[in-house]
């Protein structure tokens, strides 16, 4: 059994009376969903960066003496810096989105 889908073209000249307009509550829920995804990506990126520092830090507070030799990320500098840039991008995007820009 096949289910056929019929698509309708909606032009700006003639608004479709059956088209549903999002209520403010729906717009807010959409806003929350998008912002939630962006912030989850930011948190995941932060977790990746924090994991890179775990060999240099104990219990998340004390820097080990081996850190004096210099920090070298296990994933390599290009990937580490890309993650830093992504984190900045996610935070900037969340800020602009929340400001309505």
PDB file of N, CA and C in Angstrom:
ATOM      1  N   UNK A   1       0.840  -1.164   0.000  1.00  0.00           N
ATOM      2  CA  UNK A   1       0.000   0.000   0.000  1.00  0.00           C
ATOM      3  C   UNK A   1       0.897   1.243   0.000  1.00  0.00           C
ATOM      4  N   UNK A   2       0.627   2.164  -0.868  1.00  0.00           N
ATOM      5  CA  UNK A   2       1.436   3.369  -1.017  1.00  0.00           C
ATOM      6  C   UNK A   2       0.653   4.588  -0.541  1.00  0.00           C
ATOM      7  N   UNK A   3       1.342   5.429   0.209  1.00  0.00           N
ATOM      8  CA  UNK A   3       0.708   6.672   0.664  1.00  0.00           C
ATOM      9  C   UNK A   3       1.253   7.815  -0.176  1.00  0.00           C
ATOM     10  N   UNK A   4       0.379   8.469  -0.895  1.00  0.00           N
ATOM     11  CA  UNK A   4       0.793   9.583  -1.738  1.00  0.00           C
ATOM     12  C   UNK A   4       0.755  10.872  -0.928  1.00  0.00           C
ATOM     13  N   UNK A   5       1.754  11.688  -1.152  1.00  0.00           N
ATOM     14  CA  UNK A   5       1.816  12.985  -0.491  1.00  0.00           C
ATOM     15  C   UNK A   5       1.609  14.061  -1.531  1.00  0.00           C
ATOM     16  N   UNK A   6       0.717  14.968  -1.245  1.00  0.00           N
ATOM     17  CA  UNK A   6       0.473  16.059  -2.174  1.00  0.00           C
ATOM     18  C   UNK A   6       1.080  17.326  -1.593  1.00  0.00           C
ATOM     19  N   UNK A   7       1.904  17.968  -2.387  1.00  0.00           N
ATOM     20  CA  UNK A   7       2.545  19.208  -1.967  1.00  0.00           C
ATOM     21  C   UNK A   7       1.798  20.389  -2.563  1.00  0.00           C
ATOM     22  N   UNK A   8       1.739  21.457  -1.823  1.00  0.00           N
ATOM     23  CA  UNK A   8       1.062  22.662  -2.279  1.00  0.00           C
ATOM     24  C   UNK A   8       2.067  23.801  -2.314  1.00  0.00           C
ATOM     25  N   UNK A   9       2.058  24.534  -3.406  1.00  0.00           N
ATOM     26  CA  UNK A   9       2.931  25.696  -3.536  1.00  0.00           C
ATOM     27  C   UNK A   9       2.220  26.887  -2.902  1.00  0.00           C
ATOM     28  N   UNK A  10       2.911  27.560  -2.006  1.00  0.00           N
ATOM     29  CA  UNK A  10       2.354  28.739  -1.340  1.00  0.00           C
ATOM     30  C   UNK A  10       3.147  29.943  -1.811  1.00  0.00           C
ATOM     31  N   UNK A  11       2.456  30.886  -2.410  1.00  0.00           N
ATOM     32  CA  UNK A  11       3.144  32.089  -2.876  1.00  0.00           C
ATOM     33  C   UNK A  11       2.831  33.247  -1.937  1.00  0.00           C
ATOM     34  N   UNK A  12       3.641  34.261  -2.029  1.00  0.00           N
ATOM     35  CA  UNK A  12       3.440  35.443  -1.184  1.00  0.00           C
ATOM     36  C   UNK A  12       2.248  36.271  -1.653  1.00  0.00           C
ATOM     37  N   UNK A  13       1.869  36.090  -2.922  1.00  0.00           N
ATOM     38  CA  UNK A  13       0.770  36.879  -3.467  1.00  0.00           C
ATOM     39  C   UNK A  13      -0.569  36.504  -2.843  1.00  0.00           C
ATOM     40  N   UNK A  14      -0.772  35.200  -2.643  1.00  0.00           N
ATOM     41  CA  UNK A  14      -2.043  34.722  -2.090  1.00  0.00           C
ATOM     42  C   UNK A  14      -1.752  33.870  -0.864  1.00  0.00           C
ATOM     43  N   UNK A  15      -1.879  34.430   0.321  1.00  0.00           N
ATOM     44  CA  UNK A  15      -1.640  33.617   1.514  1.00  0.00           C
ATOM     45  C   UNK A  15      -2.675  32.502   1.619  1.00  0.00           C
ATOM     46  N   UNK A  16      -2.233  31.348   2.035  1.00  0.00           N
ATOM     47  CA  UNK A  16      -3.101  30.191   2.189  1.00  0.00           C
ATOM     48  C   UNK A  16      -3.879  30.331   3.496  1.00  0.00           C
ATOM     49  N   UNK A  17      -5.209  30.302   3.445  1.00  0.00           N
ATOM     50  CA  UNK A  17      -5.984  30.451   4.684  1.00  0.00           C
ATOM     51  C   UNK A  17      -5.810  29.267   5.639  1.00  0.00           C
ATOM     52  N   UNK A  18      -5.381  28.119   5.117  1.00  0.00           N
ATOM     53  CA  UNK A  18      -5.190  26.934   5.962  1.00  0.00           C
ATOM     54  C   UNK A  18      -3.824  26.912   6.640  1.00  0.00           C
ATOM     55  N   UNK A  19      -2.960  27.833   6.250  1.00  0.00           N
ATOM     56  CA  UNK A  19      -1.609  27.842   6.811  1.00  0.00           C
ATOM     57  C   UNK A  19      -1.655  28.257   8.275  1.00  0.00           C
ATOM     58  N   UNK A  20      -0.941  27.513   9.099  1.00  0.00           N
ATOM     59  CA  UNK A  20      -0.936  27.797  10.532  1.00  0.00           C
ATOM     60  C   UNK A  20       0.148  28.826  10.856  1.00  0.00           C
ATOM     61  N   UNK A  21      -0.216  29.791  11.654  1.00  0.00           N
ATOM     62  CA  UNK A  21       0.722  30.813  12.107  1.00  0.00           C
ATOM     63  C   UNK A  21       1.157  30.438  13.518  1.00  0.00           C
ATOM     64  N   UNK A  22       2.460  30.500  13.755  1.00  0.00           N
ATOM     65  CA  UNK A  22       2.964  30.167  15.091  1.00  0.00           C
ATOM     66  C   UNK A  22       2.516  31.206  16.111  1.00  0.00           C
ATOM     67  N   UNK A  23       1.985  30.722  17.191  1.00  0.00           N
ATOM     68  CA  UNK A  23       1.635  31.597  18.305  1.00  0.00           C
ATOM     69  C   UNK A  23       2.914  31.957  19.056  1.00  0.00           C
ATOM     70  N   UNK A  24       2.878  33.000  19.877  1.00  0.00           N
ATOM     71  CA  UNK A  24       4.082  33.368  20.636  1.00  0.00           C
ATOM     72  C   UNK A  24       4.662  32.201  21.436  1.00  0.00           C
ATOM     73  N   UNK A  25       3.797  31.345  21.981  1.00  0.00           N
ATOM     74  CA  UNK A  25       4.289  30.194  22.743  1.00  0.00           C
ATOM     75  C   UNK A  25       5.068  29.237  21.840  1.00  0.00           C
ATOM     76  N   UNK A  26       4.577  29.060  20.617  1.00  0.00           N
ATOM     77  CA  UNK A  26       5.262  28.193  19.660  1.00  0.00           C
ATOM     78  C   UNK A  26       6.596  28.772  19.235  1.00  0.00           C
ATOM     79  N   UNK A  27       6.621  30.088  19.016  1.00  0.00           N
ATOM     80  CA  UNK A  27       7.878  30.750  18.652  1.00  0.00           C
ATOM     81  C   UNK A  27       8.891  30.628  19.782  1.00  0.00           C
ATOM     82  N   UNK A  28       8.409  30.790  21.019  1.00  0.00           N
ATOM     83  CA  UNK A  28       9.304  30.689  22.164  1.00  0.00           C
ATOM     84  C   UNK A  28       9.850  29.269  22.301  1.00  0.00           C
ATOM     85  N   UNK A  29       9.010  28.267  22.084  1.00  0.00           N
ATOM     86  CA  UNK A  29       9.452  26.869  22.164  1.00  0.00           C
ATOM     87  C   UNK A  29      10.508  26.599  21.086  1.00  0.00           C
ATOM     88  N   UNK A  30      10.283  27.130  19.884  1.00  0.00           N
ATOM     89  CA  UNK A  30      11.253  26.989  18.795  1.00  0.00           C
ATOM     90  C   UNK A  30      12.580  27.646  19.184  1.00  0.00           C
ATOM     91  N   UNK A  31      12.501  28.850  19.751  1.00  0.00           N
ATOM     92  CA  UNK A  31      13.684  29.566  20.226  1.00  0.00           C
ATOM     93  C   UNK A  31      14.435  28.728  21.257  1.00  0.00           C
ATOM     94  N   UNK A  32      13.704  28.154  22.224  1.00  0.00           N
ATOM     95  CA  UNK A  32      14.330  27.325  23.256  1.00  0.00           C
ATOM     96  C   UNK A  32      15.027  26.111  22.641  1.00  0.00           C
ATOM     97  N   UNK A  33      14.387  25.481  21.666  1.00  0.00           N
ATOM     98  CA  UNK A  33      14.977  24.293  21.043  1.00  0.00           C
ATOM     99  C   UNK A  33      16.278  24.624  20.321  1.00  0.00           C
ATOM    100  N   UNK A  34      16.267  25.695  19.546  1.00  0.00           N
ATOM    101  CA  UNK A  34      17.479  26.076  18.807  1.00  0.00           C
ATOM    102  C   UNK A  34      18.591  26.466  19.772  1.00  0.00           C
ATOM    103  N   UNK A  35      18.261  27.285  20.750  1.00  0.00           N
ATOM    104  CA  UNK A  35      19.269  27.715  21.712  1.00  0.00           C
ATOM    105  C   UNK A  35      19.800  26.522  22.502  1.00  0.00           C
ATOM    106  N   UNK A  36      18.930  25.574  22.820  1.00  0.00           N
ATOM    107  CA  UNK A  36      19.354  24.369  23.534  1.00  0.00           C
ATOM    108  C   UNK A  36      20.366  23.562  22.747  1.00  0.00           C
ATOM    109  N   UNK A  37      20.152  23.426  21.444  1.00  0.00           N
ATOM    110  CA  UNK A  37      21.087  22.680  20.596  1.00  0.00           C
ATOM    111  C   UNK A  37      22.434  23.393  20.528  1.00  0.00           C
ATOM    112  N   UNK A  38      22.408  24.706  20.334  1.00  0.00           N
ATOM    113  CA  UNK A  38      23.658  25.473  20.250  1.00  0.00           C
ATOM    114  C   UNK A  38      24.438  25.365  21.557  1.00  0.00           C
ATOM    115  N   UNK A  39      23.746  25.504  22.679  1.00  0.00           N
ATOM    116  CA  UNK A  39      24.434  25.438  23.970  1.00  0.00           C
ATOM    117  C   UNK A  39      24.905  24.024  24.291  1.00  0.00           C
ATOM    118  N   UNK A  40      24.175  23.008  23.861  1.00  0.00           N
ATOM    119  CA  UNK A  40      24.635  21.621  24.053  1.00  0.00           C
ATOM    120  C   UNK A  40      25.928  21.389  23.265  1.00  0.00           C
ATOM    121  N   UNK A  41      25.980  21.905  22.030  1.00  0.00           N
ATOM    122  CA  UNK A  41      27.209  21.787  21.237  1.00  0.00           C
ATOM    123  C   UNK A  41      28.360  22.521  21.921  1.00  0.00           C
ATOM    124  N   UNK A  42      28.071  23.682  22.499  1.00  0.00           N
ATOM    125  CA  UNK A  42      29.111  24.432  23.216  1.00  0.00           C
ATOM    126  C   UNK A  42      29.605  23.635  24.417  1.00  0.00           C
ATOM    127  N   UNK A  43      28.695  23.023  25.161  1.00  0.00           N
ATOM    128  CA  UNK A  43      29.101  22.227  26.321  1.00  0.00           C
ATOM    129  C   UNK A  43      29.909  20.999  25.901  1.00  0.00           C
ATOM    130  N   UNK A  44      29.527  20.357  24.811  1.00  0.00           N
ATOM    131  CA  UNK A  44      30.283  19.196  24.327  1.00  0.00           C
ATOM    132  C   UNK A  44      31.695  19.605  23.918  1.00  0.00           C
ATOM    133  N   UNK A  45      31.812  20.755  23.256  1.00  0.00           N
ATOM    134  CA  UNK A  45      33.125  21.247  22.850  1.00  0.00           C
ATOM    135  C   UNK A  45      33.962  21.596  24.070  1.00  0.00           C
ATOM    136  N   UNK A  46      33.350  22.244  25.061  1.00  0.00           N
ATOM    137  CA  UNK A  46      34.064  22.552  26.297  1.00  0.00           C
ATOM    138  C   UNK A  46      34.543  21.266  26.968  1.00  0.00           C
ATOM    139  N   UNK A  47      33.716  20.225  26.982  1.00  0.00           N
ATOM    140  CA  UNK A  47      34.100  18.946  27.596  1.00  0.00           C
ATOM    141  C   UNK A  47      35.307  18.345  26.879  1.00  0.00           C
ATOM    142  N   UNK A  48      35.345  18.459  25.550  1.00  0.00           N
ATOM    143  CA  UNK A  48      36.507  17.969  24.793  1.00  0.00           C
ATOM    144  C   UNK A  48      37.767  18.730  25.195  1.00  0.00           C
ATOM    145  N   UNK A  49      37.652  20.049  25.317  1.00  0.00           N
ATOM    146  CA  UNK A  49      38.810  20.863  25.703  1.00  0.00           C
ATOM    147  C   UNK A  49      39.245  20.538  27.125  1.00  0.00           C
ATOM    148  N   UNK A  50      38.290  20.377  28.021  1.00  0.00           N
ATOM    149  CA  UNK A  50      38.610  20.062  29.416  1.00  0.00           C
ATOM    150  C   UNK A  50      39.307  18.712  29.509  1.00  0.00           C
ATOM    151  N   UNK A  51      38.873  17.762  28.699  1.00  0.00           N
ATOM    152  CA  UNK A  51      39.492  16.430  28.693  1.00  0.00           C
ATOM    153  C   UNK A  51      40.965  16.522  28.299  1.00  0.00           C
ATOM    154  N   UNK A  52      41.281  17.434  27.391  1.00  0.00           N
ATOM    155  CA  UNK A  52      42.671  17.627  26.976  1.00  0.00           C
ATOM    156  C   UNK A  52      43.543  18.091  28.146  1.00  0.00           C
ATOM    157  N   UNK A  53      42.958  18.817  29.073  1.00  0.00           N
ATOM    158  CA  UNK A  53      43.718  19.361  30.203  1.00  0.00           C
ATOM    159  C   UNK A  53      43.853  18.381  31.362  1.00  0.00           C
ATOM    160  N   UNK A  54      43.155  17.270  31.330  1.00  0.00           N
ATOM    161  CA  UNK A  54      43.128  16.363  32.469  1.00  0.00           C
ATOM    162  C   UNK A  54      44.491  15.760  32.807  1.00  0.00           C
ATOM    163  N   UNK A  55      45.382  15.613  31.836  1.00  0.00           N
ATOM    164  CA  UNK A  55      46.716  15.092  32.139  1.00  0.00           C
ATOM    165  C   UNK A  55      47.581  16.123  32.864  1.00  0.00           C
ATOM    166  N   UNK A  56      47.212  17.380  32.768  1.00  0.00           N
ATOM    167  CA  UNK A  56      47.997  18.460  33.361  1.00  0.00           C
ATOM    168  C   UNK A  56      47.432  18.936  34.696  1.00  0.00           C
ATOM    169  N   UNK A  57      46.213  18.503  35.026  1.00  0.00           N
ATOM    170  CA  UNK A  57      45.517  19.014  36.207  1.00  0.00           C
ATOM    171  C   UNK A  57      44.985  17.839  37.026  1.00  0.00           C
ATOM    172  N   UNK A  58      45.085  17.921  38.353  1.00  0.00           N
ATOM    173  CA  UNK A  58      44.519  16.877  39.210  1.00  0.00           C
ATOM    174  C   UNK A  58      43.272  17.408  39.894  1.00  0.00           C
ATOM    175  N   UNK A  59      42.264  16.597  39.947  1.00  0.00           N
ATOM    176  CA  UNK A  59      40.982  16.945  40.583  1.00  0.00           C
ATOM    177  C   UNK A  59      40.423  18.273  40.075  1.00  0.00           C
ATOM    178  N   UNK A  60      40.834  18.667  38.894  1.00  0.00           N
ATOM    179  CA  UNK A  60      40.308  19.887  38.306  1.00  0.00           C
ATOM    180  C   UNK A  60      40.776  21.172  38.951  1.00  0.00           C
ATOM    181  N   UNK A  61      41.758  21.084  39.886  1.00  0.00           N
ATOM    182  CA  UNK A  61      42.172  22.316  40.567  1.00  0.00           C
ATOM    183  C   UNK A  61      43.677  22.521  40.617  1.00  0.00           C
ATOM    184  N   UNK A  62      44.459  21.457  40.724  1.00  0.00           N
ATOM    185  CA  UNK A  62      45.900  21.609  40.925  1.00  0.00           C
ATOM    186  C   UNK A  62      46.663  21.292  39.641  1.00  0.00           C
ATOM    187  N   UNK A  63      47.506  22.218  39.228  1.00  0.00           N
ATOM    188  CA  UNK A  63      48.321  22.018  38.036  1.00  0.00           C
ATOM    189  C   UNK A  63      49.552  21.217  38.431  1.00  0.00           C
ATOM    190  N   UNK A  64      49.820  20.141  37.694  1.00  0.00           N
ATOM    191  CA  UNK A  64      50.949  19.263  37.997  1.00  0.00           C
ATOM    192  C   UNK A  64      52.268  19.891  37.559  1.00  0.00           C
ATOM    193  N   UNK A  65      53.379  19.506  38.201  1.00  0.00           N
ATOM    194  CA  UNK A  65      54.691  20.045  37.819  1.00  0.00           C
ATOM    195  C   UNK A  65      55.048  19.766  36.358  1.00  0.00           C
ATOM    196  N   UNK A  66      54.548  18.664  35.807  1.00  0.00           N
ATOM    197  CA  UNK A  66      54.854  18.349  34.404  1.00  0.00           C
ATOM    198  C   UNK A  66      54.305  19.407  33.452  1.00  0.00           C
ATOM    199  N   UNK A  67      53.380  20.236  33.923  1.00  0.00           N
ATOM    200  CA  UNK A  67      52.812  21.288  33.078  1.00  0.00           C
ATOM    201  C   UNK A  67      53.845  22.355  32.741  1.00  0.00           C
ATOM    202  N   UNK A  68      54.912  22.431  33.544  1.00  0.00           N
ATOM    203  CA  UNK A  68      55.952  23.422  33.262  1.00  0.00           C
ATOM    204  C   UNK A  68      56.654  23.137  31.941  1.00  0.00           C
ATOM    205  N   UNK A  69      56.616  21.879  31.511  1.00  0.00           N
ATOM    206  CA  UNK A  69      57.237  21.515  30.232  1.00  0.00           C
ATOM    207  C   UNK A  69      56.456  22.083  29.058  1.00  0.00           C
ATOM    208  N   UNK A  70      55.273  22.520  29.305  1.00  0.00           N
ATOM    209  CA  UNK A  70      54.433  23.079  28.245  1.00  0.00           C
ATOM    210  C   UNK A  70      53.269  22.164  27.934  1.00  0.00           C
ATOM    211  N   UNK A  71      52.209  22.761  27.492  1.00  0.00           N
ATOM    212  CA  UNK A  71      50.992  22.015  27.185  1.00  0.00           C
ATOM    213  C   UNK A  71      51.017  21.568  25.737  1.00  0.00           C
ATOM    214  N   UNK A  72      50.758  20.298  25.523  1.00  0.00           N
ATOM    215  CA  UNK A  72      50.607  19.748  24.176  1.00  0.00           C
ATOM    216  C   UNK A  72      49.322  18.935  24.156  1.00  0.00           C
ATOM    217  N   UNK A  73      48.317  19.399  23.439  1.00  0.00           N
ATOM    218  CA  UNK A  73      47.061  18.657  23.411  1.00  0.00           C
ATOM    219  C   UNK A  73      47.243  17.294  22.734  1.00  0.00           C
ATOM    220  N   UNK A  74      46.579  16.280  23.277  1.00  0.00           N
ATOM    221  CA  UNK A  74      46.677  14.935  22.706  1.00  0.00           C
ATOM    222  C   UNK A  74      46.108  14.882  21.294  1.00  0.00           C
ATOM    223  N   UNK A  75      45.113  15.704  21.030  1.00  0.00           N
ATOM    224  CA  UNK A  75      44.493  15.697  19.705  1.00  0.00           C
ATOM    225  C   UNK A  75      45.316  16.494  18.692  1.00  0.00           C
ATOM    226  N   UNK A  76      46.339  17.208  19.154  1.00  0.00           N
ATOM    227  CA  UNK A  76      47.156  18.044  18.278  1.00  0.00           C
ATOM    228  C   UNK A  76      46.659  19.481  18.295  1.00  0.00           C
ATOM    229  N   UNK A  77      47.581  20.395  18.011  1.00  0.00           N
ATOM    230  CA  UNK A  77      47.234  21.814  18.064  1.00  0.00           C
ATOM    231  C   UNK A  77      46.148  22.222  17.076  1.00  0.00           C
ATOM    232  N   UNK A  78      46.188  21.755  15.825  1.00  0.00           N
ATOM    233  CA  UNK A  78      45.137  22.200  14.897  1.00  0.00           C
ATOM    234  C   UNK A  78      43.727  21.853  15.390  1.00  0.00           C
ATOM    235  N   UNK A  79      43.534  20.614  15.854  1.00  0.00           N
ATOM    236  CA  UNK A  79      42.204  20.212  16.319  1.00  0.00           C
ATOM    237  C   UNK A  79      41.821  20.944  17.606  1.00  0.00           C
ATOM    238  N   UNK A  80      42.790  21.129  18.494  1.00  0.00           N
ATOM    239  CA  UNK A  80      42.525  21.834  19.751  1.00  0.00           C
ATOM    240  C   UNK A  80      42.085  23.272  19.470  1.00  0.00           C
ATOM    241  N   UNK A  81      42.817  23.958  18.591  1.00  0.00           N
ATOM    242  CA  UNK A  81      42.471  25.341  18.261  1.00  0.00           C
ATOM    243  C   UNK A  81      41.144  25.423  17.515  1.00  0.00           C
ATOM    244  N   UNK A  82      40.846  24.411  16.700  1.00  0.00           N
ATOM    245  CA  UNK A  82      39.551  24.377  16.022  1.00  0.00           C
ATOM    246  C   UNK A  82      38.417  24.265  17.046  1.00  0.00           C
ATOM    247  N   UNK A  83      38.627  23.438  18.074  1.00  0.00           N
ATOM    248  CA  UNK A  83      37.612  23.298  19.127  1.00  0.00           C
ATOM    249  C   UNK A  83      37.444  24.608  19.895  1.00  0.00           C
ATOM    250  N   UNK A  84      38.545  25.311  20.137  1.00  0.00           N
ATOM    251  CA  UNK A  84      38.450  26.615  20.803  1.00  0.00           C
ATOM    252  C   UNK A  84      37.636  27.587  19.944  1.00  0.00           C
ATOM    253  N   UNK A  85      37.896  27.584  18.639  1.00  0.00           N
ATOM    254  CA  UNK A  85      37.170  28.463  17.733  1.00  0.00           C
ATOM    255  C   UNK A  85      35.685  28.080  17.697  1.00  0.00           C
ATOM    256  N   UNK A  86      35.395  26.771  17.675  1.00  0.00           N
ATOM    257  CA  UNK A  86      34.005  26.323  17.686  1.00  0.00           C
ATOM    258  C   UNK A  86      33.284  26.783  18.946  1.00  0.00           C
ATOM    259  N   UNK A  87      33.956  26.672  20.085  1.00  0.00           N
ATOM    260  CA  UNK A  87      33.344  27.099  21.339  1.00  0.00           C
ATOM    261  C   UNK A  87      32.995  28.585  21.283  1.00  0.00           C
ATOM    262  N   UNK A  88      33.924  29.402  20.776  1.00  0.00           N
ATOM    263  CA  UNK A  88      33.658  30.837  20.618  1.00  0.00           C
ATOM    264  C   UNK A  88      32.472  31.051  19.680  1.00  0.00           C
ATOM    265  N   UNK A  89      32.430  30.304  18.581  1.00  0.00           N
ATOM    266  CA  UNK A  89      31.350  30.418  17.598  1.00  0.00           C
ATOM    267  C   UNK A  89      29.999  30.082  18.235  1.00  0.00           C
ATOM    268  N   UNK A  90      29.942  28.986  18.983  1.00  0.00           N
ATOM    269  CA  UNK A  90      28.685  28.584  19.622  1.00  0.00           C
ATOM    270  C   UNK A  90      28.211  29.638  20.617  1.00  0.00           C
ATOM    271  N   UNK A  91      29.125  30.162  21.411  1.00  0.00           N
ATOM    272  CA  UNK A  91      28.753  31.171  22.407  1.00  0.00           C
ATOM    273  C   UNK A  91      28.300  32.455  21.719  1.00  0.00           C
ATOM    274  N   UNK A  92      29.020  32.888  20.678  1.00  0.00           N
ATOM    275  CA  UNK A  92      28.620  34.082  19.930  1.00  0.00           C
ATOM    276  C   UNK A  92      27.246  33.892  19.298  1.00  0.00           C
ATOM    277  N   UNK A  93      27.022  32.721  18.710  1.00  0.00           N
ATOM    278  CA  UNK A  93      25.744  32.438  18.054  1.00  0.00           C
ATOM    279  C   UNK A  93      24.603  32.469  19.076  1.00  0.00           C
ATOM    280  N   UNK A  94      24.821  31.855  20.229  1.00  0.00           N
ATOM    281  CA  UNK A  94      23.792  31.847  21.271  1.00  0.00           C
ATOM    282  C   UNK A  94      23.492  33.270  21.744  1.00  0.00           C
ATOM    283  N   UNK A  95      24.533  34.083  21.901  1.00  0.00           N
ATOM    284  CA  UNK A  95      24.335  35.471  22.337  1.00  0.00           C
ATOM    285  C   UNK A  95      23.535  36.251  21.299  1.00  0.00           C
ATOM    286  N   UNK A  96      23.950  36.171  20.018  1.00  0.00           N
ATOM    287  CA  UNK A  96      23.241  36.899  18.961  1.00  0.00           C
ATOM    288  C   UNK A  96      21.798  36.422  18.840  1.00  0.00           C
ATOM    289  N   UNK A  97      21.601  35.118  18.935  1.00  0.00           N
ATOM    290  CA  UNK A  97      20.256  34.565  18.810  1.00  0.00           C
ATOM    291  C   UNK A  97      19.369  35.038  19.958  1.00  0.00           C
ATOM    292  N   UNK A  98      19.917  35.064  21.159  1.00  0.00           N
ATOM    293  CA  UNK A  98      19.119  35.490  22.313  1.00  0.00           C
ATOM    294  C   UNK A  98      18.831  36.989  22.276  1.00  0.00           C
ATOM    295  N   UNK A  99      19.685  37.752  21.586  1.00  0.00           N
ATOM    296  CA  UNK A  99      19.463  39.193  21.448  1.00  0.00           C
ATOM    297  C   UNK A  99      18.555  39.518  20.264  1.00  0.00           C
ATOM    298  N   UNK A 100      18.208  38.499  19.489  1.00  0.00           N
ATOM    299  CA  UNK A 100      17.325  38.707  18.350  1.00  0.00           C
ATOM    300  C   UNK A 100      18.009  39.290  17.133  1.00  0.00           C
ATOM    301  N   UNK A 101      19.313  39.092  17.029  1.00  0.00           N
ATOM    302  CA  UNK A 101      20.068  39.646  15.889  1.00  0.00           C
ATOM    303  C   UNK A 101      20.244  38.608  14.812  1.00  0.00           C
TER     304      UNK A 101
END
